[in-house]
């Protein structure tokens, strides 16, 4: 919205501050004005796209779980490396399960969980890496999928919800601290897990 307001201000200043005939009769003013308007328009569009992409998506109703599963499958289907923080992977069903096993076989899947279960152990057997940080009583409240961890093009999808609504927020702006918090949390768990005897 800020960029949209700035764009409107530039257009208004051009229209109100000058006689348009004078601007049109002076080629360098016309070119300069066109460049300014173009840059402002591109900036406004970029801002709107960024805002739209980062807005949280809320899932409700009878098909809530189905829609969440579809969204997560889409995220995981990419060729990018993924770190999944989950309590028990109970959401993994159908196509999502196939996608996870495919990702594990390509060694592009890392799991962060409180403790091992059959699915995580099977994924590790296929090539995934798992870091366990707690037990049945201590679990992260946050669940996230960190894509391209430690790279300049990293982004994160954070899920949280209540009994009736689940929200997934996708963040790819390096200015948003959520990416760094997810990365820090993952690195802390990995460091702790690697310093202790591993159990499954």
N, C-alpha and C. Protein backbone atom coordinates (compact mmCIF):
# COMPACT_ATOMS: atom_id res chain seq x y z
N UNK A 1 0.82 -1.20 0.00
CA UNK A 1 0.00 0.00 0.00
C UNK A 1 0.86 1.26 0.00
N UNK A 2 2.02 1.18 0.65
CA UNK A 2 2.92 2.35 0.68
C UNK A 2 3.36 2.71 -0.73
N UNK A 3 3.75 1.68 -1.50
CA UNK A 3 4.20 1.93 -2.86
C UNK A 3 3.06 2.44 -3.74
N UNK A 4 1.87 1.95 -3.50
CA UNK A 4 0.71 2.41 -4.26
C UNK A 4 0.44 3.88 -3.98
N UNK A 5 0.56 4.27 -2.72
CA UNK A 5 0.36 5.67 -2.35
C UNK A 5 1.43 6.56 -2.98
N UNK A 6 2.69 6.06 -2.98
CA UNK A 6 3.79 6.83 -3.57
C UNK A 6 3.57 7.00 -5.08
N UNK A 7 3.12 5.92 -5.71
CA UNK A 7 2.85 5.98 -7.15
C UNK A 7 1.75 7.01 -7.46
N UNK A 8 0.70 6.99 -6.65
CA UNK A 8 -0.40 7.95 -6.83
C UNK A 8 0.09 9.38 -6.64
N UNK A 9 0.98 9.57 -5.66
CA UNK A 9 1.52 10.91 -5.39
C UNK A 9 2.35 11.41 -6.57
N UNK A 10 3.15 10.53 -7.17
CA UNK A 10 3.96 10.92 -8.33
C UNK A 10 3.07 11.32 -9.50
N UNK A 11 2.05 10.51 -9.77
CA UNK A 11 1.14 10.82 -10.87
C UNK A 11 0.43 12.15 -10.62
N UNK A 12 -0.05 12.34 -9.39
CA UNK A 12 -0.76 13.58 -9.05
C UNK A 12 0.13 14.79 -9.19
N UNK A 13 1.40 14.66 -8.76
CA UNK A 13 2.31 15.80 -8.84
C UNK A 13 2.61 16.17 -10.30
N UNK A 14 2.72 15.15 -11.16
CA UNK A 14 2.96 15.43 -12.58
C UNK A 14 1.75 16.12 -13.20
N UNK A 15 0.56 15.63 -12.84
CA UNK A 15 -0.66 16.20 -13.42
C UNK A 15 -0.97 17.60 -12.90
N UNK A 16 -0.71 17.83 -11.61
CA UNK A 16 -1.11 19.10 -10.99
C UNK A 16 -0.05 20.18 -11.06
N UNK A 17 1.22 19.80 -11.08
CA UNK A 17 2.28 20.80 -10.98
C UNK A 17 2.70 21.35 -12.34
N UNK A 18 2.31 20.72 -13.39
CA UNK A 18 2.78 21.15 -14.71
C UNK A 18 1.64 21.21 -15.71
N UNK A 19 1.85 22.04 -16.67
CA UNK A 19 0.96 22.05 -17.83
C UNK A 19 1.41 20.88 -18.70
N UNK A 20 0.52 19.92 -18.93
CA UNK A 20 0.90 18.71 -19.66
C UNK A 20 1.41 19.02 -21.06
N UNK A 21 0.93 20.10 -21.67
CA UNK A 21 1.40 20.46 -23.01
C UNK A 21 2.88 20.84 -22.96
N UNK A 22 3.28 21.56 -21.89
CA UNK A 22 4.70 21.94 -21.74
C UNK A 22 5.56 20.70 -21.55
N UNK A 23 5.07 19.77 -20.72
CA UNK A 23 5.81 18.52 -20.49
C UNK A 23 5.97 17.75 -21.80
N UNK A 24 4.89 17.68 -22.57
CA UNK A 24 4.91 16.94 -23.84
C UNK A 24 5.80 17.60 -24.88
N UNK A 25 5.91 18.93 -24.82
CA UNK A 25 6.75 19.66 -25.79
C UNK A 25 8.23 19.59 -25.47
N UNK A 26 8.59 19.17 -24.27
CA UNK A 26 9.99 19.08 -23.87
C UNK A 26 10.36 17.60 -23.78
N UNK A 27 11.09 17.09 -24.79
CA UNK A 27 11.37 15.64 -24.84
C UNK A 27 12.04 15.09 -23.58
N UNK A 28 13.03 15.78 -23.03
CA UNK A 28 13.74 15.20 -21.88
C UNK A 28 12.83 15.15 -20.65
N UNK A 29 11.91 16.13 -20.52
CA UNK A 29 10.96 16.08 -19.41
C UNK A 29 9.97 14.93 -19.59
N UNK A 30 9.56 14.73 -20.83
CA UNK A 30 8.64 13.63 -21.13
C UNK A 30 9.28 12.28 -20.83
N UNK A 31 10.54 12.09 -21.26
CA UNK A 31 11.26 10.83 -21.02
C UNK A 31 11.49 10.62 -19.52
N UNK A 32 11.94 11.68 -18.85
CA UNK A 32 12.19 11.58 -17.41
C UNK A 32 10.90 11.26 -16.65
N UNK A 33 9.82 11.95 -17.04
CA UNK A 33 8.53 11.69 -16.39
C UNK A 33 8.06 10.27 -16.61
N UNK A 34 8.25 9.77 -17.84
CA UNK A 34 7.84 8.39 -18.15
C UNK A 34 8.65 7.38 -17.35
N UNK A 35 9.96 7.64 -17.20
CA UNK A 35 10.83 6.74 -16.43
C UNK A 35 10.39 6.71 -14.96
N UNK A 36 10.15 7.90 -14.40
CA UNK A 36 9.72 7.98 -13.00
C UNK A 36 8.41 7.23 -12.78
N UNK A 37 7.46 7.42 -13.68
CA UNK A 37 6.18 6.73 -13.56
C UNK A 37 6.34 5.22 -13.70
N UNK A 38 7.20 4.79 -14.62
CA UNK A 38 7.43 3.36 -14.81
C UNK A 38 8.06 2.73 -13.57
N UNK A 39 9.08 3.38 -13.02
CA UNK A 39 9.74 2.86 -11.81
C UNK A 39 8.75 2.80 -10.66
N UNK A 40 7.96 3.85 -10.48
CA UNK A 40 6.97 3.87 -9.40
C UNK A 40 5.93 2.76 -9.59
N UNK A 41 5.50 2.54 -10.84
CA UNK A 41 4.51 1.50 -11.12
C UNK A 41 5.07 0.11 -10.82
N UNK A 42 6.32 -0.13 -11.25
CA UNK A 42 6.96 -1.43 -11.00
C UNK A 42 7.12 -1.66 -9.50
N UNK A 43 7.55 -0.62 -8.77
CA UNK A 43 7.72 -0.74 -7.31
C UNK A 43 6.39 -1.04 -6.63
N UNK A 44 5.33 -0.36 -7.08
CA UNK A 44 4.02 -0.58 -6.49
C UNK A 44 3.53 -2.01 -6.75
N UNK A 45 3.71 -2.48 -7.99
CA UNK A 45 3.28 -3.84 -8.34
C UNK A 45 4.08 -4.88 -7.55
N UNK A 46 5.39 -4.65 -7.42
CA UNK A 46 6.24 -5.58 -6.66
C UNK A 46 5.79 -5.65 -5.21
N UNK A 47 5.47 -4.51 -4.63
CA UNK A 47 5.01 -4.45 -3.24
C UNK A 47 3.68 -5.20 -3.06
N UNK A 48 2.78 -5.00 -4.02
CA UNK A 48 1.48 -5.66 -3.95
C UNK A 48 1.64 -7.18 -4.06
N UNK A 49 2.49 -7.63 -4.98
CA UNK A 49 2.74 -9.07 -5.14
C UNK A 49 3.34 -9.65 -3.87
N UNK A 50 4.33 -8.94 -3.29
CA UNK A 50 4.96 -9.42 -2.06
C UNK A 50 3.98 -9.52 -0.92
N UNK A 51 3.11 -8.53 -0.80
CA UNK A 51 2.09 -8.54 0.26
C UNK A 51 1.11 -9.68 0.05
N UNK A 52 0.71 -9.89 -1.20
CA UNK A 52 -0.24 -10.97 -1.51
C UNK A 52 0.36 -12.34 -1.19
N UNK A 53 1.63 -12.53 -1.58
CA UNK A 53 2.28 -13.83 -1.38
C UNK A 53 2.51 -14.14 0.09
N UNK A 54 2.77 -13.10 0.92
CA UNK A 54 3.10 -13.34 2.31
C UNK A 54 1.89 -13.34 3.23
N UNK A 55 0.70 -13.07 2.67
CA UNK A 55 -0.47 -13.04 3.53
C UNK A 55 -0.79 -14.45 4.00
N UNK A 56 -1.23 -14.59 5.23
CA UNK A 56 -1.54 -15.93 5.73
C UNK A 56 -2.76 -16.53 5.03
N UNK A 57 -2.72 -17.83 4.80
CA UNK A 57 -3.86 -18.53 4.22
C UNK A 57 -4.52 -19.33 5.34
N UNK A 58 -5.81 -19.09 5.53
CA UNK A 58 -6.53 -19.74 6.62
C UNK A 58 -7.41 -20.85 6.07
N UNK A 59 -7.34 -21.99 6.73
CA UNK A 59 -8.12 -23.15 6.31
C UNK A 59 -9.17 -23.47 7.37
N UNK A 60 -10.43 -23.56 6.92
CA UNK A 60 -11.53 -23.87 7.84
C UNK A 60 -12.48 -24.86 7.15
N UNK A 61 -13.42 -25.34 7.91
CA UNK A 61 -14.49 -26.14 7.33
C UNK A 61 -14.20 -27.62 7.21
N UNK A 62 -15.11 -28.31 6.55
CA UNK A 62 -15.04 -29.78 6.46
C UNK A 62 -13.83 -30.26 5.67
N UNK A 63 -13.39 -29.46 4.68
CA UNK A 63 -12.27 -29.89 3.84
C UNK A 63 -10.95 -29.29 4.28
N UNK A 64 -10.89 -28.81 5.50
CA UNK A 64 -9.69 -28.13 6.00
C UNK A 64 -8.45 -29.00 5.89
N UNK A 65 -8.51 -30.22 6.43
CA UNK A 65 -7.33 -31.10 6.43
C UNK A 65 -6.90 -31.46 5.00
N UNK A 66 -7.88 -31.64 4.13
CA UNK A 66 -7.57 -31.97 2.73
C UNK A 66 -6.84 -30.82 2.05
N UNK A 67 -7.29 -29.58 2.32
CA UNK A 67 -6.65 -28.41 1.72
C UNK A 67 -5.24 -28.19 2.27
N UNK A 68 -5.06 -28.42 3.57
CA UNK A 68 -3.73 -28.29 4.18
C UNK A 68 -2.78 -29.30 3.56
N UNK A 69 -3.25 -30.53 3.43
CA UNK A 69 -2.43 -31.59 2.85
C UNK A 69 -2.03 -31.25 1.41
N UNK A 70 -2.97 -30.70 0.64
CA UNK A 70 -2.68 -30.31 -0.73
C UNK A 70 -1.62 -29.22 -0.77
N UNK A 71 -1.73 -28.23 0.12
CA UNK A 71 -0.76 -27.13 0.19
C UNK A 71 0.63 -27.65 0.56
N UNK A 72 0.69 -28.51 1.56
CA UNK A 72 1.98 -29.04 2.00
C UNK A 72 2.61 -29.92 0.92
N UNK A 73 1.80 -30.68 0.22
CA UNK A 73 2.32 -31.52 -0.87
C UNK A 73 2.92 -30.64 -1.96
N UNK A 74 2.26 -29.53 -2.26
CA UNK A 74 2.77 -28.60 -3.27
C UNK A 74 4.12 -28.02 -2.85
N UNK A 75 4.24 -27.66 -1.58
CA UNK A 75 5.50 -27.11 -1.07
C UNK A 75 6.62 -28.15 -1.18
N UNK A 76 6.31 -29.38 -0.83
CA UNK A 76 7.34 -30.43 -0.78
C UNK A 76 7.68 -31.01 -2.14
N UNK A 77 6.81 -30.79 -3.12
CA UNK A 77 7.03 -31.39 -4.44
C UNK A 77 8.17 -30.72 -5.20
N UNK A 78 8.62 -29.57 -4.78
CA UNK A 78 9.71 -28.88 -5.47
C UNK A 78 11.01 -29.67 -5.32
N UNK A 79 11.99 -29.32 -6.11
CA UNK A 79 13.29 -29.99 -6.06
C UNK A 79 14.19 -29.40 -4.96
N UNK A 80 13.67 -28.45 -4.22
CA UNK A 80 14.47 -27.77 -3.21
C UNK A 80 14.62 -28.61 -1.95
N UNK A 81 15.68 -28.33 -1.20
CA UNK A 81 15.91 -29.02 0.07
C UNK A 81 14.95 -28.50 1.12
N UNK A 82 14.42 -29.39 1.96
CA UNK A 82 13.43 -28.98 2.97
C UNK A 82 13.80 -29.48 4.35
N UNK A 83 13.59 -28.61 5.33
CA UNK A 83 13.66 -28.98 6.74
C UNK A 83 12.24 -28.91 7.27
N UNK A 84 11.71 -30.02 7.77
CA UNK A 84 10.35 -30.05 8.28
C UNK A 84 10.38 -30.20 9.79
N UNK A 85 9.81 -29.23 10.49
CA UNK A 85 9.63 -29.34 11.93
C UNK A 85 8.19 -29.77 12.18
N UNK A 86 8.03 -30.94 12.76
CA UNK A 86 6.70 -31.49 13.00
C UNK A 86 6.71 -32.26 14.31
N UNK A 87 5.56 -32.35 14.95
CA UNK A 87 5.48 -33.11 16.19
C UNK A 87 5.51 -34.61 15.95
N UNK A 88 4.78 -35.07 14.92
CA UNK A 88 4.72 -36.51 14.68
C UNK A 88 4.45 -36.90 13.22
N UNK A 89 4.41 -35.90 12.34
CA UNK A 89 4.13 -36.14 10.91
C UNK A 89 2.77 -36.78 10.69
N UNK A 90 1.84 -36.55 11.61
CA UNK A 90 0.52 -37.18 11.50
C UNK A 90 -0.27 -36.66 10.30
N UNK A 91 0.10 -35.52 9.76
CA UNK A 91 -0.59 -34.94 8.60
C UNK A 91 -0.20 -35.64 7.29
N UNK A 92 0.85 -36.45 7.33
CA UNK A 92 1.38 -37.07 6.10
C UNK A 92 0.50 -38.24 5.68
N UNK A 93 -0.15 -38.07 4.52
CA UNK A 93 -1.02 -39.11 3.97
C UNK A 93 -0.93 -39.08 2.45
N UNK A 94 -1.28 -40.17 1.81
CA UNK A 94 -1.42 -40.22 0.36
C UNK A 94 -0.23 -39.69 -0.42
N UNK A 95 -0.48 -38.70 -1.29
CA UNK A 95 0.56 -38.15 -2.15
C UNK A 95 1.68 -37.51 -1.35
N UNK A 96 1.34 -36.89 -0.21
CA UNK A 96 2.36 -36.25 0.62
C UNK A 96 3.37 -37.29 1.10
N UNK A 97 2.89 -38.46 1.42
CA UNK A 97 3.79 -39.55 1.87
C UNK A 97 4.74 -39.94 0.74
N UNK A 98 4.20 -40.09 -0.47
CA UNK A 98 5.03 -40.45 -1.63
C UNK A 98 6.08 -39.37 -1.89
N UNK A 99 5.66 -38.11 -1.79
CA UNK A 99 6.58 -37.00 -2.04
C UNK A 99 7.71 -36.99 -1.00
N UNK A 100 7.37 -37.25 0.27
CA UNK A 100 8.40 -37.27 1.31
C UNK A 100 9.41 -38.40 1.09
N UNK A 101 8.92 -39.56 0.71
CA UNK A 101 9.84 -40.68 0.47
C UNK A 101 10.73 -40.41 -0.75
N UNK A 102 10.16 -39.75 -1.75
CA UNK A 102 10.96 -39.37 -2.91
C UNK A 102 12.05 -38.37 -2.51
N UNK A 103 11.67 -37.41 -1.68
CA UNK A 103 12.63 -36.40 -1.21
C UNK A 103 13.71 -37.05 -0.36
N UNK A 104 13.31 -38.01 0.47
CA UNK A 104 14.28 -38.71 1.32
C UNK A 104 15.28 -39.48 0.45
N UNK A 105 14.78 -40.14 -0.59
CA UNK A 105 15.68 -40.91 -1.46
C UNK A 105 16.67 -40.03 -2.20
N UNK A 106 16.29 -38.74 -2.40
CA UNK A 106 17.20 -37.78 -3.05
C UNK A 106 18.07 -37.04 -2.05
N UNK A 107 17.96 -37.41 -0.79
CA UNK A 107 18.73 -36.81 0.30
C UNK A 107 18.51 -35.30 0.40
N UNK A 108 17.27 -34.91 0.22
CA UNK A 108 16.94 -33.48 0.32
C UNK A 108 15.86 -33.22 1.37
N UNK A 109 15.77 -34.14 2.35
CA UNK A 109 14.78 -34.00 3.41
C UNK A 109 15.44 -34.12 4.78
N UNK A 110 15.15 -33.15 5.64
CA UNK A 110 15.62 -33.17 7.03
C UNK A 110 14.41 -33.02 7.93
N UNK A 111 14.34 -33.84 8.96
CA UNK A 111 13.24 -33.80 9.91
C UNK A 111 13.70 -33.26 11.25
N UNK A 112 12.87 -32.44 11.88
CA UNK A 112 13.10 -31.96 13.25
C UNK A 112 11.87 -32.35 14.04
N UNK A 113 12.06 -33.28 15.00
CA UNK A 113 10.92 -33.82 15.74
C UNK A 113 11.29 -34.03 17.20
N UNK A 114 10.29 -34.09 18.10
CA UNK A 114 10.62 -34.34 19.50
C UNK A 114 11.21 -35.73 19.72
N UNK A 115 10.69 -36.72 19.02
CA UNK A 115 11.24 -38.07 19.13
C UNK A 115 10.86 -38.86 17.88
N UNK A 116 11.50 -39.99 17.72
CA UNK A 116 11.29 -40.80 16.52
C UNK A 116 9.95 -41.52 16.57
N UNK A 117 9.41 -41.79 15.39
CA UNK A 117 8.27 -42.70 15.26
C UNK A 117 8.52 -43.56 14.03
N UNK A 118 7.57 -44.42 13.70
CA UNK A 118 7.80 -45.35 12.60
C UNK A 118 8.02 -44.62 11.27
N UNK A 119 7.21 -43.59 11.00
CA UNK A 119 7.35 -42.89 9.73
C UNK A 119 8.69 -42.19 9.63
N UNK A 120 9.12 -41.52 10.68
CA UNK A 120 10.42 -40.83 10.61
C UNK A 120 11.56 -41.83 10.45
N UNK A 121 11.45 -42.97 11.13
CA UNK A 121 12.48 -44.00 11.00
C UNK A 121 12.53 -44.57 9.59
N UNK A 122 11.35 -44.77 8.99
CA UNK A 122 11.29 -45.27 7.61
C UNK A 122 11.90 -44.26 6.64
N UNK A 123 11.63 -42.96 6.88
CA UNK A 123 12.19 -41.91 6.02
C UNK A 123 13.71 -41.83 6.17
N UNK A 124 14.20 -42.01 7.39
CA UNK A 124 15.65 -42.03 7.62
C UNK A 124 16.27 -43.21 6.89
N UNK A 125 15.61 -44.36 6.93
CA UNK A 125 16.11 -45.54 6.21
C UNK A 125 16.21 -45.28 4.70
N UNK A 126 15.34 -44.39 4.18
CA UNK A 126 15.34 -44.07 2.75
C UNK A 126 16.35 -42.98 2.39
N UNK A 127 16.93 -42.31 3.41
CA UNK A 127 17.94 -41.29 3.10
C UNK A 127 17.73 -39.94 3.76
N UNK A 128 16.61 -39.76 4.46
CA UNK A 128 16.38 -38.49 5.16
C UNK A 128 17.30 -38.40 6.38
N UNK A 129 17.49 -37.18 6.87
CA UNK A 129 18.23 -36.93 8.11
C UNK A 129 17.21 -36.48 9.14
N UNK A 130 17.32 -36.98 10.38
CA UNK A 130 16.38 -36.59 11.43
C UNK A 130 17.14 -36.14 12.66
N UNK A 131 16.67 -35.06 13.27
CA UNK A 131 17.20 -34.56 14.53
C UNK A 131 16.06 -34.54 15.54
N UNK A 132 16.29 -35.24 16.68
CA UNK A 132 15.26 -35.34 17.71
C UNK A 132 15.70 -34.51 18.92
N UNK A 133 14.79 -33.70 19.44
CA UNK A 133 15.18 -32.73 20.47
C UNK A 133 14.49 -32.91 21.81
N UNK A 134 13.47 -33.76 21.90
CA UNK A 134 12.71 -33.80 23.14
C UNK A 134 12.17 -35.18 23.45
N UNK A 135 10.91 -35.22 23.84
CA UNK A 135 10.23 -36.46 24.17
C UNK A 135 8.73 -36.25 23.96
N UNK A 136 7.94 -37.19 24.43
CA UNK A 136 6.49 -37.10 24.23
C UNK A 136 5.87 -35.90 24.95
N UNK A 137 6.55 -35.40 25.98
CA UNK A 137 5.98 -34.30 26.76
C UNK A 137 6.48 -32.93 26.30
N UNK A 138 7.68 -32.85 25.74
CA UNK A 138 8.21 -31.56 25.29
C UNK A 138 8.19 -31.50 23.77
N UNK A 139 7.35 -30.61 23.26
CA UNK A 139 7.21 -30.46 21.80
C UNK A 139 7.16 -28.99 21.46
N UNK A 140 7.70 -28.64 20.30
CA UNK A 140 7.61 -27.25 19.84
C UNK A 140 6.14 -26.90 19.56
N UNK A 141 5.78 -25.69 19.94
CA UNK A 141 4.44 -25.20 19.58
C UNK A 141 4.41 -24.81 18.11
N UNK A 142 5.56 -24.40 17.58
CA UNK A 142 5.63 -23.98 16.18
C UNK A 142 5.94 -25.16 15.28
N UNK A 143 5.27 -25.18 14.12
CA UNK A 143 5.59 -26.16 13.10
C UNK A 143 5.93 -25.38 11.84
N UNK A 144 7.02 -25.76 11.21
CA UNK A 144 7.43 -25.00 10.03
C UNK A 144 8.13 -25.90 9.02
N UNK A 145 8.15 -25.44 7.79
CA UNK A 145 8.93 -26.07 6.73
C UNK A 145 9.88 -25.01 6.21
N UNK A 146 11.17 -25.24 6.39
CA UNK A 146 12.21 -24.31 5.97
C UNK A 146 12.81 -24.84 4.67
N UNK A 147 12.70 -24.05 3.62
CA UNK A 147 13.16 -24.48 2.29
C UNK A 147 14.46 -23.77 1.96
N UNK A 148 15.42 -24.54 1.42
CA UNK A 148 16.75 -24.01 1.06
C UNK A 148 17.44 -23.37 2.26
N UNK A 149 17.46 -24.11 3.35
CA UNK A 149 18.07 -23.63 4.59
C UNK A 149 19.50 -23.15 4.38
N UNK A 150 19.84 -22.01 4.98
CA UNK A 150 21.18 -21.39 4.93
C UNK A 150 21.57 -20.88 3.54
N UNK A 151 20.62 -20.77 2.63
CA UNK A 151 20.92 -20.20 1.32
C UNK A 151 20.27 -18.83 1.18
N UNK A 152 20.73 -18.08 0.20
CA UNK A 152 20.20 -16.73 0.01
C UNK A 152 18.74 -16.74 -0.45
N UNK A 153 18.29 -17.86 -1.04
CA UNK A 153 16.91 -17.94 -1.50
C UNK A 153 16.02 -18.74 -0.55
N UNK A 154 16.41 -18.79 0.73
CA UNK A 154 15.64 -19.53 1.72
C UNK A 154 14.27 -18.89 1.94
N UNK A 155 13.29 -19.73 2.25
CA UNK A 155 11.97 -19.24 2.63
C UNK A 155 11.35 -20.24 3.59
N UNK A 156 10.32 -19.80 4.29
CA UNK A 156 9.74 -20.66 5.32
C UNK A 156 8.22 -20.60 5.25
N UNK A 157 7.59 -21.74 5.50
CA UNK A 157 6.13 -21.81 5.65
C UNK A 157 5.87 -22.20 7.10
N UNK A 158 5.14 -21.35 7.80
CA UNK A 158 4.88 -21.58 9.22
C UNK A 158 3.41 -21.90 9.42
N UNK A 159 3.16 -23.00 10.10
CA UNK A 159 1.79 -23.42 10.35
C UNK A 159 1.44 -23.30 11.82
N UNK A 160 0.25 -22.82 12.09
CA UNK A 160 -0.26 -22.79 13.47
C UNK A 160 -1.77 -22.75 13.39
N UNK A 161 -2.41 -23.17 14.45
CA UNK A 161 -3.87 -23.20 14.36
C UNK A 161 -4.57 -23.50 15.66
N UNK A 162 -5.87 -23.53 15.56
CA UNK A 162 -6.74 -23.87 16.68
C UNK A 162 -7.57 -25.07 16.25
N UNK A 163 -8.53 -25.40 17.06
CA UNK A 163 -9.36 -26.55 16.75
C UNK A 163 -10.13 -26.36 15.44
N UNK A 164 -10.58 -25.13 15.18
CA UNK A 164 -11.44 -24.88 14.02
C UNK A 164 -10.73 -24.23 12.83
N UNK A 165 -9.51 -23.76 13.01
CA UNK A 165 -8.84 -23.04 11.93
C UNK A 165 -7.34 -23.32 11.96
N UNK A 166 -6.78 -23.49 10.77
CA UNK A 166 -5.33 -23.67 10.65
C UNK A 166 -4.81 -22.62 9.66
N UNK A 167 -3.71 -21.99 10.02
CA UNK A 167 -3.14 -20.93 9.19
C UNK A 167 -1.75 -21.32 8.74
N UNK A 168 -1.46 -21.10 7.46
CA UNK A 168 -0.11 -21.28 6.93
C UNK A 168 0.34 -19.95 6.36
N UNK A 169 1.45 -19.45 6.87
CA UNK A 169 2.02 -18.19 6.40
C UNK A 169 3.35 -18.51 5.69
N UNK A 170 3.49 -18.07 4.45
CA UNK A 170 4.71 -18.26 3.68
C UNK A 170 5.51 -16.96 3.68
N UNK A 171 6.78 -17.05 4.07
CA UNK A 171 7.62 -15.86 4.19
C UNK A 171 8.90 -16.09 3.38
N UNK A 172 9.18 -15.16 2.44
CA UNK A 172 10.41 -15.28 1.66
C UNK A 172 11.24 -14.00 1.69
N UNK A 173 10.80 -13.01 2.47
CA UNK A 173 11.55 -11.76 2.57
C UNK A 173 12.69 -11.92 3.57
N UNK A 174 13.91 -11.57 3.13
CA UNK A 174 15.07 -11.69 4.03
C UNK A 174 15.00 -10.67 5.17
N UNK A 175 14.11 -9.67 5.04
CA UNK A 175 13.95 -8.68 6.10
C UNK A 175 13.05 -9.18 7.22
N UNK A 176 12.35 -10.28 6.96
CA UNK A 176 11.44 -10.82 7.98
C UNK A 176 12.23 -11.73 8.92
N UNK A 177 12.20 -11.44 10.23
CA UNK A 177 12.99 -12.25 11.17
C UNK A 177 12.52 -13.69 11.29
N UNK A 178 11.33 -14.02 10.80
CA UNK A 178 10.81 -15.38 10.93
C UNK A 178 11.73 -16.40 10.25
N UNK A 179 12.30 -16.04 9.11
CA UNK A 179 13.21 -16.96 8.42
C UNK A 179 14.43 -17.24 9.29
N UNK A 180 14.98 -16.18 9.88
CA UNK A 180 16.18 -16.34 10.71
C UNK A 180 15.86 -17.11 12.00
N UNK A 181 14.68 -16.88 12.56
CA UNK A 181 14.29 -17.61 13.77
C UNK A 181 14.14 -19.11 13.48
N UNK A 182 13.50 -19.44 12.36
CA UNK A 182 13.35 -20.85 11.98
C UNK A 182 14.71 -21.49 11.74
N UNK A 183 15.59 -20.77 11.06
CA UNK A 183 16.94 -21.28 10.78
C UNK A 183 17.73 -21.45 12.08
N UNK A 184 17.64 -20.47 12.98
CA UNK A 184 18.34 -20.56 14.26
C UNK A 184 17.83 -21.75 15.08
N UNK A 185 16.51 -21.93 15.09
CA UNK A 185 15.93 -23.04 15.84
C UNK A 185 16.40 -24.38 15.28
N UNK A 186 16.43 -24.49 13.96
CA UNK A 186 16.90 -25.72 13.34
C UNK A 186 18.37 -25.98 13.68
N UNK A 187 19.21 -24.95 13.56
CA UNK A 187 20.64 -25.14 13.84
C UNK A 187 20.89 -25.48 15.30
N UNK A 188 20.09 -24.93 16.19
CA UNK A 188 20.22 -25.24 17.62
C UNK A 188 19.86 -26.69 17.89
N UNK A 189 18.76 -27.16 17.30
CA UNK A 189 18.35 -28.56 17.46
C UNK A 189 19.41 -29.49 16.88
N UNK A 190 19.91 -29.15 15.69
CA UNK A 190 20.93 -29.99 15.05
C UNK A 190 22.18 -30.07 15.91
N UNK A 191 22.60 -28.94 16.44
CA UNK A 191 23.80 -28.92 17.28
C UNK A 191 23.62 -29.77 18.53
N UNK A 192 22.44 -29.64 19.15
CA UNK A 192 22.16 -30.41 20.36
C UNK A 192 22.11 -31.90 20.04
N UNK A 193 21.42 -32.24 18.94
CA UNK A 193 21.27 -33.65 18.57
C UNK A 193 22.61 -34.28 18.21
N UNK A 194 23.48 -33.51 17.56
CA UNK A 194 24.78 -34.06 17.14
C UNK A 194 25.74 -34.21 18.32
N UNK A 195 25.46 -33.48 19.40
CA UNK A 195 26.36 -33.57 20.56
C UNK A 195 25.96 -34.68 21.53
N UNK A 196 24.83 -35.32 21.25
CA UNK A 196 24.34 -36.39 22.12
C UNK A 196 24.27 -37.70 21.36
N UNK A 197 24.31 -38.82 22.09
CA UNK A 197 24.13 -40.12 21.41
C UNK A 197 22.78 -40.15 20.72
N UNK A 198 22.78 -40.60 19.50
CA UNK A 198 21.54 -40.60 18.72
C UNK A 198 20.72 -41.83 19.03
N UNK A 199 19.42 -41.61 19.23
CA UNK A 199 18.53 -42.74 19.50
C UNK A 199 17.33 -42.65 18.61
N UNK A 200 16.81 -43.78 18.21
CA UNK A 200 15.61 -43.81 17.36
C UNK A 200 14.65 -44.84 17.93
